Amino acid sequence: MTKAPAPRSASYNRRVNHPAAPADTLRATLADLVDGLPPRQAAQAVERLIANYRGDTPTDAPILRDRADVVAYAAYRMPATFAAVRSALGAFAQAVPSWVPGSHVDVGGGTGAATWAVGDTWGGTRPVTVLDWAEPALALGREIAASLPALREARWQRARIGAALALDSADLVTVSYVLNELTASDRAALVDTAAGAAQAVVIVEAGTPAGYARVIEARDRLIAAGFRVAAPCPHSAACPIVPGTDWCHFAARVSRSSLHRQVKSGSLAYEDEKFSYVAATRIPAEPAPSRVVRRPQIRKGQVLLDLCEPDEQLRRRTVTKRHGDLYKAARDAAWGDSWPVGEAPRGA
């Protein structure tokens, strides 16, 4: 007697019969995985792992030890990592509108959130390699990737991320939430290796002062290697922020899962993932005329925009109703958006 196949979950059937955007497919796939993990175990694993990933202490062993760790942390962190990397890639894609990466290497990619973000940004298929030193993370990444046709042929390869890492040539190299796990010398070596292998490098770190400092270090090394900054900066000169006084970061809104609400004891349906990033390239690029670097302040009859501008200065621009369509655009502007520099007078 032939054994009947196991019934598919409702989310699986929705994905097969009604293909969704990568973000929706990823969320549904992760929900299926975490359904099989006891809620208390998942929450405890996340709480323990957050301290490692949000900390500044380099590690010399994989943080994700087994499948339970990986499932819990993937369910908790992959949607946020996807959103942050997708936002950075979106800004980069605006600067290189006619360019599509023909190959992608994700360094320290773990379960592959950045590969999903690349697929959502450009679509289509390309050779993809994910490198990480945690075999359980790679195994789960491969399993999750089966839900997205563009990633079914991706290579998931175990590698020690650091000074000894060698990279094959690729159009795009992504390094997201990895530099904080490395020593200063390994960080420098990794950025140099990425610069030697890629036409474009996108680096994303946590949106903290320490994360921003790591991004600036990487930015400086990429520029020294002959790259030009495509995003978020409107120039490749020194960052105008005085070290220690502020930091450049952005935010991506992420829908919270039940696991998020359990871990954070919160009821909000969303949270904002704060991140810092740099996207640099050897190919011709047109950076934003200027970049909104703080959440716009909407007041009666005016909008205050804090901008990083191409003359290497941070300025506040005031856009009022008398600016007509520009005022409407300012009301719709979001933190991280590009802005047409010089279109509104300076103001307090």
Protein backbone atom coordinates (compact mmCIF):
# COMPACT_ATOMS: atom_id res chain seq x y z
CA MET A 1 0.00 0.00 0.00
CA THR A 2 1.39 3.37 -1.00
CA LYS A 3 1.73 5.79 1.88
CA ALA A 4 -0.20 9.02 1.39
CA PRO A 5 1.96 12.14 1.28
CA ALA A 6 1.94 14.34 4.35
CA PRO A 7 -0.48 17.26 4.06
CA ARG A 8 1.07 20.60 3.20
CA SER A 9 0.59 23.61 5.44
CA ALA A 10 -1.77 26.37 4.39
CA SER A 11 1.14 28.79 3.98
CA TYR A 12 2.96 26.30 1.75
CA ASN A 13 -0.09 25.94 -0.49
CA ARG A 14 -0.46 29.71 -0.73
CA ARG A 15 3.19 30.04 -1.80
CA VAL A 16 2.91 27.37 -4.49
CA ASN A 17 -0.45 28.39 -5.92
CA HIS A 18 -0.06 32.14 -5.49
CA PRO A 19 3.61 33.08 -5.61
CA ALA A 20 4.31 36.02 -3.31
CA ALA A 21 7.03 38.60 -3.03
CA PRO A 22 10.25 37.28 -1.46
CA ALA A 23 9.55 39.11 1.81
CA ASP A 24 6.15 37.43 2.18
CA THR A 25 7.51 34.04 1.13
CA LEU A 26 10.33 34.34 3.65
CA ARG A 27 7.99 35.25 6.48
CA ALA A 28 5.62 32.37 5.71
CA THR A 29 8.49 29.89 5.45
CA LEU A 30 9.93 30.99 8.79
CA ALA A 31 6.51 30.77 10.42
CA ASP A 32 6.24 27.14 9.29
CA LEU A 33 9.64 26.37 10.80
CA VAL A 34 9.11 28.00 14.16
CA ASP A 35 5.72 26.27 14.55
CA GLY A 36 7.68 23.12 15.35
CA LEU A 37 9.77 24.71 18.11
CA PRO A 38 8.45 25.04 21.70
CA PRO A 39 7.77 28.77 22.28
CA ARG A 40 9.72 28.91 25.55
CA GLN A 41 12.76 27.22 23.99
CA ALA A 42 12.63 29.59 21.02
CA ALA A 43 12.40 32.66 23.24
CA GLN A 44 15.27 31.52 25.48
CA ALA A 45 17.49 30.81 22.45
CA VAL A 46 16.78 34.26 21.01
CA GLU A 47 17.46 36.04 24.30
CA ARG A 48 20.82 34.27 24.66
CA LEU A 49 21.85 34.87 21.07
CA ILE A 50 20.86 38.55 20.97
CA ALA A 51 23.58 39.34 23.50
CA ASN A 52 26.20 37.86 21.16
CA TYR A 53 24.99 39.44 17.95
CA ARG A 54 24.35 42.89 19.42
CA GLY A 55 27.58 42.91 21.37
CA ASP A 56 30.96 44.21 20.27
CA THR A 57 33.08 41.27 21.41
CA PRO A 58 34.58 39.29 18.51
CA THR A 59 34.03 35.57 18.65
CA ASP A 60 36.28 32.69 17.66
CA ALA A 61 33.54 30.07 17.26
CA PRO A 62 30.16 29.94 15.55
CA ILE A 63 27.45 31.57 17.66
CA LEU A 64 24.66 29.44 16.18
CA ARG A 65 25.35 25.95 17.53
CA ASP A 66 22.43 23.72 16.49
CA ARG A 67 19.15 23.67 14.60
CA ALA A 68 17.11 24.98 17.53
CA ASP A 69 19.41 27.99 17.80
CA VAL A 70 19.27 28.59 14.08
CA VAL A 71 15.50 28.23 13.69
CA ALA A 72 14.80 30.53 16.64
CA TYR A 73 17.26 33.19 15.58
CA ALA A 74 16.32 32.99 11.90
CA ALA A 75 12.65 33.50 12.77
CA TYR A 76 13.60 36.44 14.95
CA ARG A 77 16.30 38.14 12.88
CA MET A 78 15.92 37.19 9.21
CA PRO A 79 12.96 39.52 8.50
CA ALA A 80 14.82 42.46 10.08
CA THR A 81 18.08 41.68 8.31
CA PHE A 82 16.19 41.27 5.03
CA ALA A 83 14.50 44.66 5.52
CA ALA A 84 17.74 46.48 6.34
CA VAL A 85 19.71 44.97 3.47
CA ARG A 86 16.80 45.46 1.08
CA SER A 87 16.66 49.15 2.00
CA ALA A 88 20.41 49.55 1.42
CA LEU A 89 20.23 47.69 -1.89
CA GLY A 90 17.27 49.81 -2.98
CA ALA A 91 19.27 52.99 -2.48
CA PHE A 92 22.20 51.44 -4.32
CA ALA A 93 19.99 50.31 -7.21
CA GLN A 94 18.73 53.88 -7.62
CA ALA A 95 22.33 55.01 -8.08
CA VAL A 96 23.02 52.34 -10.75
CA PRO A 97 19.63 52.06 -12.50
CA SER A 98 20.90 50.22 -15.58
CA TRP A 99 23.02 47.69 -13.68
CA VAL A 100 21.95 44.20 -12.60
CA PRO A 101 24.41 41.95 -10.75
CA GLY A 102 25.32 38.83 -12.71
CA SER A 103 26.63 37.04 -9.62
CA HIS A 104 26.43 37.46 -5.85
CA VAL A 105 28.55 36.33 -2.91
CA ASP A 106 27.11 36.79 0.58
CA VAL A 107 29.92 36.75 3.15
CA GLY A 108 28.89 35.60 6.61
CA GLY A 109 25.40 35.20 5.22
CA GLY A 110 24.19 32.61 7.71
CA THR A 111 20.68 31.60 6.71
CA GLY A 112 20.78 33.88 3.67
CA ALA A 113 18.67 36.97 4.40
CA ALA A 114 20.82 39.12 2.10
CA THR A 115 20.38 36.71 -0.81
CA TRP A 116 16.62 37.09 -0.48
CA ALA A 117 17.05 40.87 -0.44
CA VAL A 118 19.17 40.79 -3.60
CA GLY A 119 16.53 38.67 -5.34
CA ASP A 120 13.81 41.08 -4.28
CA THR A 121 15.82 44.09 -5.52
CA TRP A 122 16.73 42.84 -9.00
CA GLY A 123 14.71 39.69 -9.62
CA GLY A 124 15.84 37.04 -12.07
CA THR A 125 18.46 34.40 -11.36
CA ARG A 126 22.23 34.54 -10.95
CA PRO A 127 24.97 32.40 -9.43
CA VAL A 128 24.77 32.86 -5.66
CA THR A 129 27.25 31.71 -3.01
CA VAL A 130 26.63 32.03 0.72
CA LEU A 131 29.67 31.72 2.99
CA ASP A 132 29.43 31.17 6.73
CA TRP A 133 31.26 29.25 9.42
CA ALA A 134 28.11 27.88 11.12
CA GLU A 135 27.06 24.69 9.37
CA PRO A 136 23.60 24.62 11.05
CA ALA A 137 22.92 28.10 9.67
CA LEU A 138 23.95 27.08 6.16
CA ALA A 139 21.80 23.94 6.34
CA LEU A 140 18.74 25.91 7.37
CA GLY A 141 19.46 28.58 4.76
CA ARG A 142 19.53 25.91 2.07
CA GLU A 143 16.24 24.51 3.37
CA ILE A 144 14.54 27.92 3.44
CA ALA A 145 15.87 28.79 -0.03
CA ALA A 146 13.89 25.92 -1.53
CA SER A 147 10.85 28.20 -1.18
CA LEU A 148 12.31 30.74 -3.63
CA PRO A 149 13.05 29.52 -7.19
CA ALA A 150 15.86 32.04 -7.70
CA LEU A 151 17.81 30.55 -4.77
CA ARG A 152 17.34 26.84 -5.35
CA GLU A 153 20.71 26.54 -7.11
CA ALA A 154 22.62 28.66 -4.59
CA ARG A 155 25.83 27.28 -3.09
CA TRP A 156 25.98 27.16 0.71
CA GLN A 157 29.63 26.84 1.67
CA ARG A 158 31.29 26.62 5.07
CA ALA A 159 34.15 29.09 5.45
CA ARG A 160 36.07 30.79 8.24
CA ILE A 161 35.30 34.49 7.88
CA GLY A 162 38.45 36.48 8.49
CA ALA A 163 41.90 37.33 7.18
CA ALA A 164 42.40 33.94 5.51
CA LEU A 165 39.17 34.09 3.50
CA ALA A 166 39.52 33.94 -0.29
CA LEU A 167 36.70 35.09 -2.57
CA ASP A 168 35.99 34.27 -6.17
CA SER A 169 35.24 37.20 -8.46
CA ALA A 170 31.63 38.39 -8.27
CA ASP A 171 29.63 41.36 -9.44
CA LEU A 172 28.22 41.94 -5.96
CA VAL A 173 29.51 41.06 -2.49
CA THR A 174 27.32 41.67 0.54
CA VAL A 175 28.54 41.68 4.15
CA SER A 176 25.68 42.19 6.59
CA TYR A 177 25.88 42.15 10.39
CA VAL A 178 29.26 40.42 10.23
CA LEU A 179 31.96 42.99 11.00
CA ASN A 180 30.95 43.19 14.67
CA GLU A 181 31.94 39.53 15.05
CA LEU A 182 35.50 40.11 13.83
CA THR A 183 38.69 41.54 15.25
CA ALA A 184 39.90 44.85 13.81
CA SER A 185 42.55 43.11 11.69
CA ASP A 186 40.05 40.56 10.36
CA ARG A 187 37.58 43.34 9.54
CA ALA A 188 40.18 45.20 7.53
CA ALA A 189 41.29 42.05 5.72
CA LEU A 190 37.71 41.07 4.87
CA VAL A 191 36.87 44.49 3.40
CA ASP A 192 40.07 44.45 1.35
CA THR A 193 39.30 40.95 0.09
CA ALA A 194 35.77 41.96 -0.88
CA ALA A 195 37.12 45.02 -2.70
CA GLY A 196 39.53 42.84 -4.64
CA ALA A 197 36.83 40.41 -5.72
CA ALA A 198 33.77 42.54 -6.50
CA GLN A 199 32.46 45.28 -8.74
CA ALA A 200 30.15 46.40 -5.94
CA VAL A 201 30.29 45.90 -2.18
CA VAL A 202 27.38 46.54 0.20
CA ILE A 203 28.09 46.46 3.93
CA VAL A 204 25.35 46.67 6.57
CA GLU A 205 25.83 46.90 10.32
CA ALA A 206 23.63 47.62 13.33
CA GLY A 207 22.52 51.25 13.54
CA THR A 208 24.51 51.98 16.68
CA PRO A 209 27.49 54.30 17.18
CA ALA A 210 29.77 51.25 17.12
CA GLY A 211 28.08 49.87 13.99
CA TYR A 212 28.41 53.21 12.25
CA ALA A 213 32.11 53.37 13.20
CA ARG A 214 32.67 49.96 11.60
CA VAL A 215 30.87 51.09 8.45
CA ILE A 216 33.00 54.24 8.24
CA GLU A 217 36.17 52.16 8.60
CA ALA A 218 34.98 49.92 5.77
CA ARG A 219 33.94 52.94 3.67
CA ASP A 220 37.42 54.44 4.00
CA ARG A 221 39.06 51.17 2.93
CA LEU A 222 36.76 50.78 -0.08
CA ILE A 223 37.49 54.32 -1.23
CA ALA A 224 41.23 53.70 -0.80
CA ALA A 225 40.81 50.60 -3.00
CA GLY A 226 39.39 52.71 -5.84
CA PHE A 227 35.65 52.41 -5.14
CA ARG A 228 33.21 55.31 -5.15
CA VAL A 229 30.35 55.55 -2.71
CA ALA A 230 26.96 55.10 -4.38
CA ALA A 231 24.81 55.22 -1.23
CA PRO A 232 23.85 56.52 1.20
CA CYS A 233 26.34 59.37 0.87
CA PRO A 234 26.01 61.90 -1.98
CA HIS A 235 29.82 62.04 -2.18
CA SER A 236 32.94 59.95 -1.56
CA ALA A 237 34.67 62.53 0.63
CA ALA A 238 35.01 62.23 4.39
CA CYS A 239 31.82 61.86 6.42
CA PRO A 240 30.89 65.32 7.79
CA ILE A 241 29.85 63.90 11.16
CA VAL A 242 32.41 64.71 13.84
CA PRO A 243 33.40 61.39 15.46
CA GLY A 244 31.77 60.94 18.84
CA THR A 245 29.10 63.60 18.33
CA ASP A 246 26.56 61.65 16.27
CA TRP A 247 26.24 58.72 13.92
CA CYS A 248 24.61 58.08 10.55
CA HIS A 249 21.95 55.40 10.52
CA PHE A 250 18.57 54.63 9.00
CA ALA A 251 15.50 52.54 9.81
CA ALA A 252 13.45 49.85 8.10
CA ARG A 253 10.01 48.92 9.43
CA VAL A 254 9.49 45.22 10.12
CA SER A 255 6.27 43.42 11.03
CA ARG A 256 6.60 41.62 14.33
CA SER A 257 5.88 37.91 14.58
CA SER A 258 4.42 36.27 17.70
CA LEU A 259 7.99 35.30 18.62
CA HIS A 260 9.06 38.96 18.48
CA ARG A 261 6.21 39.97 20.76
CA GLN A 262 6.99 37.16 23.19
CA VAL A 263 10.69 37.99 23.45
CA LYS A 264 10.15 41.75 23.77
CA SER A 265 6.96 41.51 25.85
CA GLY A 266 5.40 44.04 23.52
CA SER A 267 2.11 44.36 21.70
CA LEU A 268 3.08 46.54 18.75
CA ALA A 269 2.63 44.90 15.37
CA TYR A 270 5.90 46.33 14.06
CA GLU A 271 9.36 47.54 15.01
CA ASP A 272 11.99 49.66 13.30
CA GLU A 273 15.30 47.98 12.48
CA LYS A 274 18.05 50.59 12.83
CA PHE A 275 21.06 50.05 10.57
CA SER A 276 24.13 51.77 9.10
CA TYR A 277 25.45 50.92 5.66
CA VAL A 278 27.69 51.75 2.76
CA ALA A 279 27.26 50.71 -0.87
CA ALA A 280 30.35 51.30 -3.00
CA THR A 281 31.22 50.34 -6.55
CA ARG A 282 33.73 50.46 -9.36
CA ILE A 283 31.01 50.88 -12.00
CA PRO A 284 29.59 54.31 -12.99
CA ALA A 285 27.05 55.47 -10.41
CA GLU A 286 24.94 58.54 -9.73
CA PRO A 287 24.60 59.03 -5.96
CA ALA A 288 21.61 60.84 -4.54
CA PRO A 289 21.76 64.66 -4.92
CA SER A 290 21.41 64.70 -1.12
CA ARG A 291 20.15 62.24 1.49
CA VAL A 292 17.57 62.67 4.27
CA VAL A 293 19.52 61.55 7.33
CA ARG A 294 16.90 62.03 10.04
CA ARG A 295 13.19 61.45 10.26
CA PRO A 296 11.53 64.53 8.65
CA GLN A 297 9.80 66.87 11.09
CA ILE A 298 6.36 67.84 9.85
CA ARG A 299 5.03 71.03 11.39
CA LYS A 300 2.16 73.34 10.55
CA GLY A 301 2.82 74.61 7.04
CA GLN A 302 6.40 73.39 6.85
CA VAL A 303 8.67 70.33 6.80
CA LEU A 304 12.18 70.30 8.27
CA LEU A 305 14.62 68.05 6.44
CA ASP A 306 18.06 67.15 7.79
CA LEU A 307 20.24 66.45 4.75
CA CYS A 308 23.70 65.21 3.92
CA GLU A 309 24.67 67.26 0.86
CA PRO A 310 27.26 66.82 -1.90
CA ASP A 311 29.51 69.63 -0.65
CA GLU A 312 30.31 67.42 2.37
CA GLN A 313 28.02 69.31 4.74
CA LEU A 314 25.04 68.45 6.93
CA ARG A 315 22.26 71.02 6.60
CA ARG A 316 18.66 71.53 7.65
CA ARG A 317 16.32 72.64 4.86
CA THR A 318 12.91 74.10 5.55
CA VAL A 319 10.24 73.43 2.92
CA THR A 320 7.04 75.45 3.26
CA LYS A 321 3.67 75.56 1.53
CA ARG A 322 4.89 78.31 -0.76
CA HIS A 323 7.18 75.74 -2.39
CA GLY A 324 4.11 74.06 -3.91
CA ASP A 325 4.79 70.58 -5.27
CA LEU A 326 8.11 70.46 -3.42
CA TYR A 327 6.21 70.89 -0.14
CA LYS A 328 4.00 67.93 -1.05
CA ALA A 329 7.10 65.88 -1.83
CA ALA A 330 8.66 66.89 1.49
CA ARG A 331 5.58 65.74 3.39
CA ASP A 332 5.95 62.34 1.69
CA ALA A 333 9.72 62.15 2.19
CA ALA A 334 11.04 59.45 4.48
CA TRP A 335 14.19 58.98 6.48
CA GLY A 336 16.82 57.67 4.06
CA ASP A 337 15.25 59.06 0.89
CA SER A 338 17.19 61.01 -1.71
CA TRP A 339 16.34 64.71 -2.04
CA PRO A 340 17.02 67.31 -4.78
CA VAL A 341 19.67 69.49 -3.16
CA GLY A 342 19.27 73.25 -3.34
CA GLU A 343 15.55 73.10 -4.10
CA ALA A 344 14.60 74.81 -0.85
CA PRO A 345 16.26 77.60 1.13
CA ARG A 346 18.19 76.88 4.26
CA GLY A 347 16.37 77.50 7.47
CA ALA A 348 16.47 76.98 11.17
